[in-house]
Protein backbone atom coordinates (compact mmCIF):
# COMPACT_ATOMS: atom_id res chain seq x y z
CA MET A 1 -0.03 -0.06 0.01
CA SER A 2 1.44 3.38 -0.98
CA ILE A 3 1.22 6.25 1.54
CA LYS A 4 1.06 9.86 0.34
CA SER A 5 4.14 10.52 2.38
CA SER A 6 4.32 14.28 1.91
CA GLN A 7 1.03 14.55 3.81
CA PHE A 8 1.27 11.52 6.07
CA SER A 9 3.27 13.36 8.67
CA GLU A 10 0.77 16.16 8.74
CA ARG A 11 -2.07 13.65 9.33
CA LEU A 12 -0.06 11.88 12.07
CA LEU A 13 0.61 15.18 13.74
CA ALA A 14 -3.11 16.14 13.46
CA VAL A 15 -4.05 12.90 15.27
CA ARG A 16 -1.48 13.52 18.08
CA LYS A 17 -2.41 17.21 18.49
CA ARG A 18 -6.08 16.20 18.71
CA THR A 19 -5.19 14.05 21.79
CA GLY A 20 -3.20 16.81 23.36
CA LEU A 21 -0.26 14.41 24.00
CA SER A 22 3.39 15.01 23.53
CA GLN A 23 5.34 12.81 21.17
CA ALA A 24 6.76 10.97 24.12
CA ASP A 25 3.37 10.34 25.73
CA PHE A 26 1.77 9.43 22.36
CA GLY A 27 4.55 6.86 21.79
CA LYS A 28 4.04 5.57 25.33
CA LYS A 29 0.32 4.99 24.72
CA LEU A 30 1.20 3.06 21.61
CA GLY A 31 3.84 0.98 23.56
CA ILE A 32 6.75 2.35 21.52
CA SER A 33 9.65 4.64 22.37
CA ASP A 34 9.34 8.41 21.86
CA ARG A 35 12.17 8.18 19.34
CA ALA A 36 10.40 5.54 17.29
CA TYR A 37 7.24 7.70 17.30
CA LYS A 38 9.20 10.83 16.33
CA ASN A 39 10.76 8.93 13.43
CA TYR A 40 7.22 8.15 12.16
CA GLU A 41 5.97 11.72 12.53
CA LEU A 42 9.09 13.06 10.86
CA GLU A 43 8.82 10.39 8.18
CA ILE A 44 12.42 9.27 8.91
CA ARG A 45 10.99 5.71 9.07
CA LYS A 46 7.88 4.29 7.47
CA ILE A 47 5.19 3.43 10.02
CA PRO A 48 4.54 -0.29 10.38
CA THR A 49 1.00 -1.36 9.51
CA ASP A 50 0.38 -2.78 13.07
CA ILE A 51 1.23 0.63 14.59
CA ALA A 52 -1.00 2.43 12.08
CA LYS A 53 -3.83 0.09 12.98
CA LEU A 54 -3.15 0.58 16.66
CA ILE A 55 -3.36 4.44 16.31
CA CYS A 56 -6.63 4.07 14.47
CA ARG A 57 -8.16 1.81 17.11
CA GLU A 58 -6.86 3.86 20.10
CA PHE A 59 -7.72 7.24 18.83
CA ASP A 60 -10.83 6.59 16.64
CA VAL A 61 -9.09 7.41 13.39
CA ASP A 62 -10.11 6.15 9.92
CA ILE A 63 -7.31 4.02 8.56
CA ARG A 64 -7.90 5.24 4.92
CA TRP A 65 -7.54 8.82 6.12
CA LEU A 66 -4.38 8.12 8.14
CA LEU A 67 -2.56 6.19 5.37
CA LEU A 68 -4.04 7.70 2.16
CA GLY A 69 -5.68 11.00 3.11
CA GLU A 70 -9.04 9.72 1.88
CA GLY A 71 -12.21 10.38 3.87
CA PHE A 72 -12.36 11.80 7.31
CA ILE A 73 -9.96 11.76 10.30
CA LYS A 74 -12.61 10.15 12.51
CA SER A 75 -14.46 7.08 11.65
CA GLN A 76 -17.62 8.92 10.78
CA VAL A 77 -20.10 8.86 7.91
CA LEU A 78 -20.10 11.73 5.56
CA GLY A 79 -23.85 12.20 6.08
CA ASP A 80 -23.42 12.85 9.79
CA VAL A 81 -20.78 15.51 9.16
CA VAL A 82 -22.82 17.22 6.64
CA GLU A 83 -25.85 17.13 8.83
CA ALA A 84 -23.96 18.65 11.78
CA ALA A 85 -22.50 21.37 9.53
CA VAL A 86 -26.01 22.35 8.25
CA LEU A 87 -27.48 22.39 11.82
CA GLU A 88 -24.60 24.44 13.14
CA THR A 89 -24.77 26.88 10.25
CA ARG A 90 -28.54 27.41 10.58
CA ALA A 91 -28.44 27.71 14.38
CA TYR A 92 -25.81 30.37 14.29
CA PHE A 93 -27.32 32.50 11.64
CA THR A 94 -30.88 32.07 13.06
CA GLU A 95 -29.57 33.36 16.50
CA LYS A 96 -27.95 36.34 14.70
CA ASP A 97 -31.23 36.85 12.77
CA VAL A 98 -29.39 36.68 9.43
CA SER A 99 -30.91 35.12 6.31
CA LEU A 100 -28.54 33.24 4.06
CA SER A 101 -28.97 32.48 0.47
CA PRO A 102 -28.81 28.75 -0.36
CA LYS A 103 -25.47 29.43 -2.13
CA GLN A 104 -24.04 31.14 0.98
CA GLU A 105 -25.30 28.21 3.20
CA ALA A 106 -23.73 25.72 0.80
CA LYS A 107 -20.35 27.54 0.90
CA ILE A 108 -20.35 27.57 4.67
CA VAL A 109 -21.38 23.96 4.89
CA ARG A 110 -18.56 22.96 2.38
CA PHE A 111 -16.09 24.93 4.50
CA LEU A 112 -17.06 23.12 7.74
CA VAL A 113 -17.00 19.72 6.09
CA GLN A 114 -13.55 20.45 4.61
CA GLN A 115 -12.25 21.63 7.98
CA PHE A 116 -13.64 18.49 9.65
CA GLU A 117 -12.11 16.22 6.94
CA GLU A 118 -8.68 17.84 7.29
CA HIS A 119 -8.44 18.40 11.10
CA GLY A 120 -11.13 16.17 12.65
CA SER A 121 -12.83 19.18 14.17
CA ILE A 122 -13.05 22.94 14.01
CA SER A 123 -12.81 25.16 17.01
CA GLU A 124 -15.75 27.40 17.98
CA GLU A 125 -13.58 30.54 17.52
CA ALA A 126 -12.63 29.52 13.92
CA LYS A 127 -16.31 28.80 13.12
CA ARG A 128 -17.34 32.18 14.63
CA ASN A 129 -14.64 34.02 12.69
CA PHE A 130 -15.67 32.34 9.45
CA PHE A 131 -19.28 32.84 10.04
CA ASP A 132 -18.82 36.54 10.90
CA ALA A 133 -16.74 36.95 7.73
CA VAL A 134 -19.50 35.68 5.62
CA VAL A 135 -22.05 38.25 6.61
């Protein structure tokens, strides 16, 4: 299986940052040395399949996303992500008493889904900043 290596380290880093763990603590959770983990994150060494599977199991990460960059960071269904994005968008703009055109709403939902796909989440501050920039 080929790994999109130029982006693999970014995805591995995103998983670790999502946990809030240091490289040493992340490696410890995986039962490997911090040096071994650093080598994977820096792409000095290719990650063994068993370690990649363990990361996915331990941290609820989709294996296709981790290795190939396809799909979403979390093992979630696209429909659930889109539904959440639509609901959050409508709730925010209803609260602000702002009407959006279908095109504006679609662009916002696309942005939220892309953020979730790339990072596994989006901070409330980033959402508010983006929402405020739209209106």
